[in-house]
Amino acid sequence: MRTLNENLAVRMIHTPGGDYAAAAVDGTWVDMTGYRRCLFVSLAGGLDGDIAVAVYEATDATGDSAQALSGLADSFVNGTDEDRVGLIEVRDTDLSDGFSFVTVRVTPAATDPFSAIAILGEPYSAPVSNATTDDVAFNTGE
């Protein structure tokens, strides 16, 4: 089982947020530069239909050259997965050459509540921050 070492620096980033989505929604692009892995944590509320969650990679924060990462996906099934937490781990070795940005694409079959966050962990050296804005939380685990 893969585990996240909480003693290393962790950066939490909010991606598609607590909305009722009726069509595919992309989260914020997360820069994995300097990090070994990213964990997407997702939660679906009371479902009216199934929800598919897939990880995409890109070469920059605008989603340039975006493509799905094979095998890195999850789904929430109506009638089975209400209020379930889904986890998808992305390692830096999962990314294609020249790609360092990742996001989740949420595709609901109906208008359903959904929320997701990304947790970047295991920097190559700590403390480190690759934040592009000042409003990103950074925790060195102290």
N, C-alpha and C. Protein backbone atom coordinates (compact mmCIF):
# COMPACT_ATOMS: atom_id res chain seq x y z
N MET A 1 0.83 -1.17 0.00
CA MET A 1 0.00 0.00 0.00
C MET A 1 0.88 1.24 0.00
N ARG A 2 0.55 2.20 -0.84
CA ARG A 2 1.29 3.44 -0.88
C ARG A 2 0.83 4.34 0.26
N THR A 3 1.77 5.02 0.89
CA THR A 3 1.42 5.94 1.96
C THR A 3 2.10 7.27 1.74
N LEU A 4 1.53 8.33 2.29
CA LEU A 4 2.09 9.65 2.20
C LEU A 4 2.81 9.95 3.51
N ASN A 5 4.07 10.29 3.46
CA ASN A 5 4.83 10.59 4.66
C ASN A 5 4.47 12.00 5.12
N GLU A 6 3.73 12.10 6.22
CA GLU A 6 3.25 13.41 6.68
C GLU A 6 4.36 14.28 7.26
N ASN A 7 5.55 13.75 7.43
CA ASN A 7 6.66 14.55 7.92
C ASN A 7 7.30 15.39 6.83
N LEU A 8 6.94 15.15 5.59
CA LEU A 8 7.47 15.93 4.49
C LEU A 8 6.52 17.05 4.16
N ALA A 9 7.01 18.04 3.44
CA ALA A 9 6.18 19.19 3.08
C ALA A 9 5.00 18.74 2.24
N VAL A 10 3.85 19.30 2.53
CA VAL A 10 2.62 18.98 1.81
C VAL A 10 1.95 20.28 1.42
N ARG A 11 1.49 20.35 0.21
CA ARG A 11 0.79 21.54 -0.28
C ARG A 11 -0.61 21.12 -0.68
N MET A 12 -1.62 21.77 -0.13
CA MET A 12 -3.00 21.44 -0.47
C MET A 12 -3.55 22.47 -1.44
N ILE A 13 -4.23 22.00 -2.46
CA ILE A 13 -4.78 22.86 -3.49
C ILE A 13 -6.21 22.46 -3.74
N HIS A 14 -7.08 23.42 -3.78
CA HIS A 14 -8.49 23.17 -4.05
C HIS A 14 -8.69 23.04 -5.55
N THR A 15 -9.37 22.00 -6.00
CA THR A 15 -9.68 21.81 -7.41
C THR A 15 -11.18 21.97 -7.61
N PRO A 16 -11.92 21.20 -8.39
CA PRO A 16 -13.32 21.53 -8.60
C PRO A 16 -14.04 21.55 -7.27
N GLY A 17 -14.78 22.56 -6.99
CA GLY A 17 -15.21 22.71 -5.63
C GLY A 17 -16.68 22.62 -5.36
N GLY A 18 -17.08 21.75 -4.49
CA GLY A 18 -18.37 21.69 -3.89
C GLY A 18 -19.53 22.17 -4.73
N ASP A 19 -19.51 21.92 -6.00
CA ASP A 19 -20.53 22.41 -6.90
C ASP A 19 -21.46 21.29 -7.31
N TYR A 20 -22.57 21.70 -7.87
CA TYR A 20 -23.48 20.76 -8.51
C TYR A 20 -23.16 20.82 -9.99
N ALA A 21 -22.48 19.84 -10.49
CA ALA A 21 -22.06 19.84 -11.88
C ALA A 21 -23.00 18.98 -12.72
N ALA A 22 -23.34 19.49 -13.90
CA ALA A 22 -24.20 18.74 -14.81
C ALA A 22 -23.45 18.35 -16.08
N ALA A 23 -22.23 18.81 -16.21
CA ALA A 23 -21.40 18.50 -17.38
C ALA A 23 -19.96 18.35 -16.89
N ALA A 24 -19.08 17.91 -17.77
CA ALA A 24 -17.68 17.70 -17.41
C ALA A 24 -17.06 19.00 -16.89
N VAL A 25 -16.31 18.88 -15.79
CA VAL A 25 -15.66 20.03 -15.15
C VAL A 25 -14.20 19.66 -14.92
N ASP A 26 -13.30 20.55 -15.35
CA ASP A 26 -11.87 20.36 -15.06
C ASP A 26 -11.50 21.15 -13.82
N GLY A 27 -10.61 20.58 -13.02
CA GLY A 27 -10.11 21.28 -11.85
C GLY A 27 -9.00 22.24 -12.23
N THR A 28 -8.42 22.84 -11.23
CA THR A 28 -7.28 23.72 -11.41
C THR A 28 -6.07 22.86 -11.77
N TRP A 29 -5.25 23.34 -12.70
CA TRP A 29 -4.04 22.60 -13.05
C TRP A 29 -3.02 22.74 -11.93
N VAL A 30 -2.47 21.63 -11.48
CA VAL A 30 -1.53 21.57 -10.37
C VAL A 30 -0.14 21.28 -10.91
N ASP A 31 0.83 22.12 -10.55
CA ASP A 31 2.20 21.93 -10.99
C ASP A 31 2.91 20.97 -10.06
N MET A 32 3.34 19.84 -10.58
CA MET A 32 4.04 18.83 -9.76
C MET A 32 5.55 19.03 -9.74
N THR A 33 6.04 20.11 -10.34
CA THR A 33 7.47 20.35 -10.35
C THR A 33 8.01 20.36 -8.92
N GLY A 34 9.01 19.55 -8.67
CA GLY A 34 9.61 19.49 -7.35
C GLY A 34 8.97 18.49 -6.41
N TYR A 35 7.91 17.82 -6.86
CA TYR A 35 7.22 16.85 -6.01
C TYR A 35 7.24 15.47 -6.64
N ARG A 36 7.28 14.45 -5.79
CA ARG A 36 7.28 13.07 -6.26
C ARG A 36 5.88 12.55 -6.53
N ARG A 37 4.86 13.09 -5.82
CA ARG A 37 3.52 12.58 -6.02
C ARG A 37 2.46 13.60 -5.66
N CYS A 38 1.27 13.32 -6.17
CA CYS A 38 0.09 14.15 -5.90
C CYS A 38 -1.06 13.18 -5.61
N LEU A 39 -1.83 13.49 -4.60
CA LEU A 39 -2.97 12.66 -4.25
C LEU A 39 -4.24 13.49 -4.44
N PHE A 40 -5.12 13.04 -5.33
CA PHE A 40 -6.42 13.69 -5.50
C PHE A 40 -7.42 12.99 -4.59
N VAL A 41 -8.07 13.77 -3.75
CA VAL A 41 -9.06 13.26 -2.82
C VAL A 41 -10.41 13.81 -3.28
N SER A 42 -11.36 12.94 -3.54
CA SER A 42 -12.65 13.39 -4.05
C SER A 42 -13.79 12.80 -3.23
N LEU A 43 -14.90 13.54 -3.20
CA LEU A 43 -16.07 13.13 -2.43
C LEU A 43 -17.32 13.50 -3.22
N ALA A 44 -18.22 12.55 -3.32
CA ALA A 44 -19.51 12.80 -3.98
C ALA A 44 -20.60 12.67 -2.93
N GLY A 45 -21.60 13.54 -3.02
CA GLY A 45 -22.72 13.50 -2.09
C GLY A 45 -23.80 12.56 -2.57
N GLY A 46 -25.06 12.87 -2.28
CA GLY A 46 -26.17 12.05 -2.75
C GLY A 46 -26.24 12.09 -4.27
N LEU A 47 -26.11 10.97 -4.90
CA LEU A 47 -25.99 10.91 -6.36
C LEU A 47 -27.33 10.69 -7.05
N ASP A 48 -27.50 11.35 -8.18
CA ASP A 48 -28.63 11.09 -9.08
C ASP A 48 -28.18 10.27 -10.29
N GLY A 49 -26.88 10.14 -10.46
CA GLY A 49 -26.29 9.38 -11.57
C GLY A 49 -24.85 9.07 -11.24
N ASP A 50 -24.18 8.35 -12.11
CA ASP A 50 -22.78 8.00 -11.90
C ASP A 50 -21.88 9.21 -12.17
N ILE A 51 -20.70 9.22 -11.56
CA ILE A 51 -19.71 10.26 -11.80
C ILE A 51 -18.39 9.57 -12.15
N ALA A 52 -17.77 10.02 -13.23
CA ALA A 52 -16.44 9.52 -13.62
C ALA A 52 -15.41 10.59 -13.27
N VAL A 53 -14.29 10.16 -12.71
CA VAL A 53 -13.20 11.07 -12.36
C VAL A 53 -11.95 10.55 -13.05
N ALA A 54 -11.30 11.41 -13.84
CA ALA A 54 -10.10 11.00 -14.56
C ALA A 54 -9.01 12.04 -14.36
N VAL A 55 -7.76 11.58 -14.30
CA VAL A 55 -6.62 12.48 -14.16
C VAL A 55 -6.08 12.81 -15.55
N TYR A 56 -5.82 14.10 -15.75
CA TYR A 56 -5.24 14.58 -17.01
C TYR A 56 -3.90 15.23 -16.73
N GLU A 57 -3.01 15.19 -17.72
CA GLU A 57 -1.72 15.85 -17.62
C GLU A 57 -1.62 16.89 -18.73
N ALA A 58 -0.78 17.92 -18.49
CA ALA A 58 -0.59 18.99 -19.48
C ALA A 58 0.82 19.54 -19.33
N THR A 59 1.21 20.33 -20.31
CA THR A 59 2.56 20.91 -20.30
C THR A 59 2.60 22.25 -19.58
N ASP A 60 1.44 22.88 -19.34
CA ASP A 60 1.41 24.16 -18.62
C ASP A 60 0.08 24.34 -17.90
N ALA A 61 -0.03 25.44 -17.15
CA ALA A 61 -1.21 25.69 -16.31
C ALA A 61 -2.46 26.06 -17.10
N THR A 62 -2.34 26.25 -18.41
CA THR A 62 -3.53 26.53 -19.23
C THR A 62 -4.13 25.24 -19.78
N GLY A 63 -3.47 24.12 -19.52
CA GLY A 63 -3.96 22.84 -20.02
C GLY A 63 -3.50 22.52 -21.42
N ASP A 64 -2.43 23.18 -21.86
CA ASP A 64 -1.92 22.96 -23.21
C ASP A 64 -1.52 21.49 -23.39
N SER A 65 -1.92 20.91 -24.49
CA SER A 65 -1.61 19.52 -24.84
C SER A 65 -2.18 18.53 -23.84
N ALA A 66 -3.29 18.86 -23.19
CA ALA A 66 -3.88 17.99 -22.17
C ALA A 66 -4.22 16.62 -22.73
N GLN A 67 -3.94 15.61 -21.91
CA GLN A 67 -4.28 14.24 -22.28
C GLN A 67 -4.52 13.43 -21.01
N ALA A 68 -5.38 12.45 -21.12
CA ALA A 68 -5.72 11.59 -19.98
C ALA A 68 -4.53 10.71 -19.62
N LEU A 69 -4.35 10.47 -18.33
CA LEU A 69 -3.34 9.54 -17.86
C LEU A 69 -3.99 8.17 -17.73
N SER A 70 -3.55 7.24 -18.52
CA SER A 70 -4.12 5.90 -18.56
C SER A 70 -4.06 5.22 -17.19
N GLY A 71 -5.18 4.64 -16.78
CA GLY A 71 -5.23 3.87 -15.55
C GLY A 71 -5.40 4.69 -14.28
N LEU A 72 -5.43 6.02 -14.40
CA LEU A 72 -5.58 6.87 -13.22
C LEU A 72 -6.97 7.50 -13.25
N ALA A 73 -7.93 6.76 -12.74
CA ALA A 73 -9.32 7.20 -12.77
C ALA A 73 -10.08 6.55 -11.62
N ASP A 74 -11.27 7.07 -11.37
CA ASP A 74 -12.14 6.53 -10.34
C ASP A 74 -13.57 6.78 -10.80
N SER A 75 -14.51 6.14 -10.18
CA SER A 75 -15.91 6.39 -10.49
C SER A 75 -16.75 6.26 -9.24
N PHE A 76 -17.83 7.00 -9.21
CA PHE A 76 -18.80 6.94 -8.13
C PHE A 76 -20.11 6.45 -8.75
N VAL A 77 -20.63 5.35 -8.25
CA VAL A 77 -21.80 4.71 -8.84
C VAL A 77 -23.04 5.06 -8.03
N ASN A 78 -24.07 5.55 -8.73
CA ASN A 78 -25.33 5.89 -8.09
C ASN A 78 -25.89 4.67 -7.36
N GLY A 79 -26.32 4.87 -6.11
CA GLY A 79 -26.88 3.79 -5.32
C GLY A 79 -25.86 2.98 -4.55
N THR A 80 -24.57 3.18 -4.84
CA THR A 80 -23.51 2.41 -4.18
C THR A 80 -22.50 3.31 -3.48
N ASP A 81 -22.10 4.39 -4.13
CA ASP A 81 -20.94 5.17 -3.67
C ASP A 81 -21.28 6.54 -3.09
N GLU A 82 -22.51 6.75 -2.64
CA GLU A 82 -22.83 8.03 -2.02
C GLU A 82 -21.96 8.23 -0.79
N ASP A 83 -21.44 9.43 -0.64
CA ASP A 83 -20.63 9.81 0.51
C ASP A 83 -19.36 8.98 0.65
N ARG A 84 -18.86 8.44 -0.45
CA ARG A 84 -17.58 7.71 -0.44
C ARG A 84 -16.45 8.67 -0.77
N VAL A 85 -15.30 8.46 -0.19
CA VAL A 85 -14.11 9.23 -0.50
C VAL A 85 -13.29 8.45 -1.52
N GLY A 86 -12.92 9.08 -2.61
CA GLY A 86 -12.10 8.44 -3.63
C GLY A 86 -10.68 9.00 -3.62
N LEU A 87 -9.70 8.15 -3.82
CA LEU A 87 -8.30 8.56 -3.83
C LEU A 87 -7.65 8.14 -5.13
N ILE A 88 -6.95 9.07 -5.77
CA ILE A 88 -6.17 8.74 -6.96
C ILE A 88 -4.78 9.32 -6.75
N GLU A 89 -3.79 8.46 -6.74
CA GLU A 89 -2.41 8.91 -6.58
C GLU A 89 -1.73 9.01 -7.93
N VAL A 90 -1.04 10.13 -8.14
CA VAL A 90 -0.25 10.35 -9.36
C VAL A 90 1.20 10.51 -8.93
N ARG A 91 2.07 9.68 -9.49
CA ARG A 91 3.50 9.81 -9.21
C ARG A 91 4.16 10.56 -10.36
N ASP A 92 5.27 11.21 -10.07
CA ASP A 92 5.97 11.95 -11.12
C ASP A 92 6.37 11.02 -12.27
N THR A 93 6.59 9.75 -11.98
CA THR A 93 6.95 8.79 -13.02
C THR A 93 5.76 8.41 -13.90
N ASP A 94 4.53 8.77 -13.48
CA ASP A 94 3.34 8.51 -14.30
C ASP A 94 3.21 9.52 -15.44
N LEU A 95 3.89 10.66 -15.32
CA LEU A 95 3.75 11.73 -16.30
C LEU A 95 4.61 11.49 -17.53
N SER A 96 4.10 11.93 -18.67
CA SER A 96 4.86 11.84 -19.92
C SER A 96 5.97 12.88 -19.92
N ASP A 97 7.00 12.67 -20.74
CA ASP A 97 8.10 13.63 -20.84
C ASP A 97 7.56 15.00 -21.25
N GLY A 98 8.01 16.04 -20.55
CA GLY A 98 7.60 17.40 -20.86
C GLY A 98 6.30 17.82 -20.20
N PHE A 99 5.65 16.91 -19.47
CA PHE A 99 4.39 17.21 -18.79
C PHE A 99 4.65 17.30 -17.28
N SER A 100 4.19 18.37 -16.64
CA SER A 100 4.37 18.50 -15.19
C SER A 100 3.09 18.97 -14.48
N PHE A 101 2.05 19.28 -15.24
CA PHE A 101 0.79 19.75 -14.64
C PHE A 101 -0.26 18.65 -14.70
N VAL A 102 -1.05 18.52 -13.61
CA VAL A 102 -2.11 17.52 -13.55
C VAL A 102 -3.39 18.16 -13.03
N THR A 103 -4.51 17.56 -13.37
CA THR A 103 -5.80 17.96 -12.85
C THR A 103 -6.73 16.76 -12.88
N VAL A 104 -7.92 16.91 -12.29
CA VAL A 104 -8.95 15.89 -12.43
C VAL A 104 -10.08 16.46 -13.27
N ARG A 105 -10.63 15.60 -14.11
CA ARG A 105 -11.83 15.95 -14.87
C ARG A 105 -12.97 15.12 -14.30
N VAL A 106 -14.01 15.82 -13.86
CA VAL A 106 -15.18 15.19 -13.28
C VAL A 106 -16.29 15.21 -14.31
N THR A 107 -16.82 14.03 -14.64
CA THR A 107 -17.88 13.92 -15.64
C THR A 107 -19.09 13.23 -15.01
N PRO A 108 -20.11 14.01 -14.64
CA PRO A 108 -21.31 13.42 -14.03
C PRO A 108 -22.34 13.01 -15.08
N ALA A 109 -23.13 12.00 -14.77
CA ALA A 109 -24.22 11.58 -15.65
C ALA A 109 -25.48 12.37 -15.34
N ALA A 110 -25.51 13.04 -14.19
CA ALA A 110 -26.65 13.86 -13.78
C ALA A 110 -26.08 15.04 -13.00
N THR A 111 -26.93 15.94 -12.55
CA THR A 111 -26.46 17.06 -11.75
C THR A 111 -26.23 16.58 -10.32
N ASP A 112 -24.96 16.43 -9.96
CA ASP A 112 -24.60 15.86 -8.67
C ASP A 112 -23.61 16.74 -7.93
N PRO A 113 -23.66 16.72 -6.58
CA PRO A 113 -22.67 17.46 -5.79
C PRO A 113 -21.35 16.71 -5.78
N PHE A 114 -20.25 17.45 -5.96
CA PHE A 114 -18.95 16.82 -6.01
C PHE A 114 -17.89 17.81 -5.56
N SER A 115 -16.89 17.33 -4.87
CA SER A 115 -15.79 18.17 -4.44
C SER A 115 -14.50 17.37 -4.53
N ALA A 116 -13.40 18.06 -4.80
CA ALA A 116 -12.10 17.39 -4.86
C ALA A 116 -11.01 18.36 -4.44
N ILE A 117 -9.96 17.83 -3.83
CA ILE A 117 -8.78 18.61 -3.53
C ILE A 117 -7.57 17.82 -4.01
N ALA A 118 -6.47 18.52 -4.19
CA ALA A 118 -5.22 17.86 -4.55
C ALA A 118 -4.23 18.10 -3.43
N ILE A 119 -3.50 17.07 -3.07
CA ILE A 119 -2.48 17.18 -2.04
C ILE A 119 -1.15 16.79 -2.67
N LEU A 120 -0.24 17.76 -2.76
CA LEU A 120 1.09 17.48 -3.28
C LEU A 120 1.97 17.06 -2.12
N GLY A 121 2.70 15.98 -2.30
CA GLY A 121 3.54 15.51 -1.22
C GLY A 121 4.88 15.01 -1.69
N GLU A 122 5.75 14.77 -0.74
CA GLU A 122 7.09 14.28 -0.98
C GLU A 122 7.88 15.15 -1.94
N PRO A 123 8.21 16.35 -1.50
CA PRO A 123 9.07 17.19 -2.35
C PRO A 123 10.47 16.56 -2.43
N TYR A 124 11.18 16.91 -3.48
CA TYR A 124 12.54 16.40 -3.62
C TYR A 124 13.45 16.98 -2.54
N SER A 125 13.14 18.19 -2.06
CA SER A 125 13.84 18.79 -0.93
C SER A 125 12.84 19.67 -0.20
N ALA A 126 12.90 19.72 1.13
CA ALA A 126 11.92 20.50 1.89
C ALA A 126 12.65 21.57 2.69
N PRO A 127 12.05 22.71 2.94
CA PRO A 127 10.76 23.11 2.39
C PRO A 127 10.92 23.58 0.95
N VAL A 128 9.85 23.44 0.21
CA VAL A 128 9.83 23.88 -1.18
C VAL A 128 8.44 24.41 -1.48
N SER A 129 8.34 25.34 -2.38
CA SER A 129 7.04 25.80 -2.84
C SER A 129 7.13 26.12 -4.31
N ASN A 130 6.23 25.56 -5.06
CA ASN A 130 6.16 25.88 -6.48
C ASN A 130 4.86 26.64 -6.75
N ALA A 131 4.34 27.28 -5.71
CA ALA A 131 3.07 27.99 -5.81
C ALA A 131 3.18 29.13 -6.81
N THR A 132 2.18 29.27 -7.64
CA THR A 132 2.14 30.36 -8.60
C THR A 132 1.33 31.53 -8.06
N THR A 133 0.65 31.33 -6.94
CA THR A 133 -0.09 32.41 -6.29
C THR A 133 0.21 32.39 -4.80
N ASP A 134 -0.05 33.50 -4.15
CA ASP A 134 0.25 33.60 -2.72
C ASP A 134 -0.85 33.01 -1.84
N ASP A 135 -1.98 32.61 -2.43
CA ASP A 135 -3.08 32.12 -1.61
C ASP A 135 -3.07 30.60 -1.44
N VAL A 136 -1.98 29.95 -1.79
CA VAL A 136 -1.87 28.50 -1.66
C VAL A 136 -1.27 28.16 -0.30
N ALA A 137 -1.93 27.29 0.43
CA ALA A 137 -1.44 26.89 1.74
C ALA A 137 -0.22 25.99 1.59
N PHE A 138 0.74 26.14 2.48
CA PHE A 138 1.94 25.32 2.45
C PHE A 138 2.26 24.91 3.88
N ASN A 139 2.47 23.64 4.09
CA ASN A 139 2.69 23.12 5.42
C ASN A 139 3.95 22.27 5.40
N THR A 140 4.90 22.60 6.25
CA THR A 140 6.15 21.84 6.28
C THR A 140 6.06 20.65 7.19
N GLY A 141 4.89 20.40 7.78
CA GLY A 141 4.71 19.23 8.63
C GLY A 141 5.22 19.42 10.04
N GLU A 142 5.51 20.65 10.43
CA GLU A 142 6.01 20.91 11.79
C GLU A 142 4.88 21.03 12.77
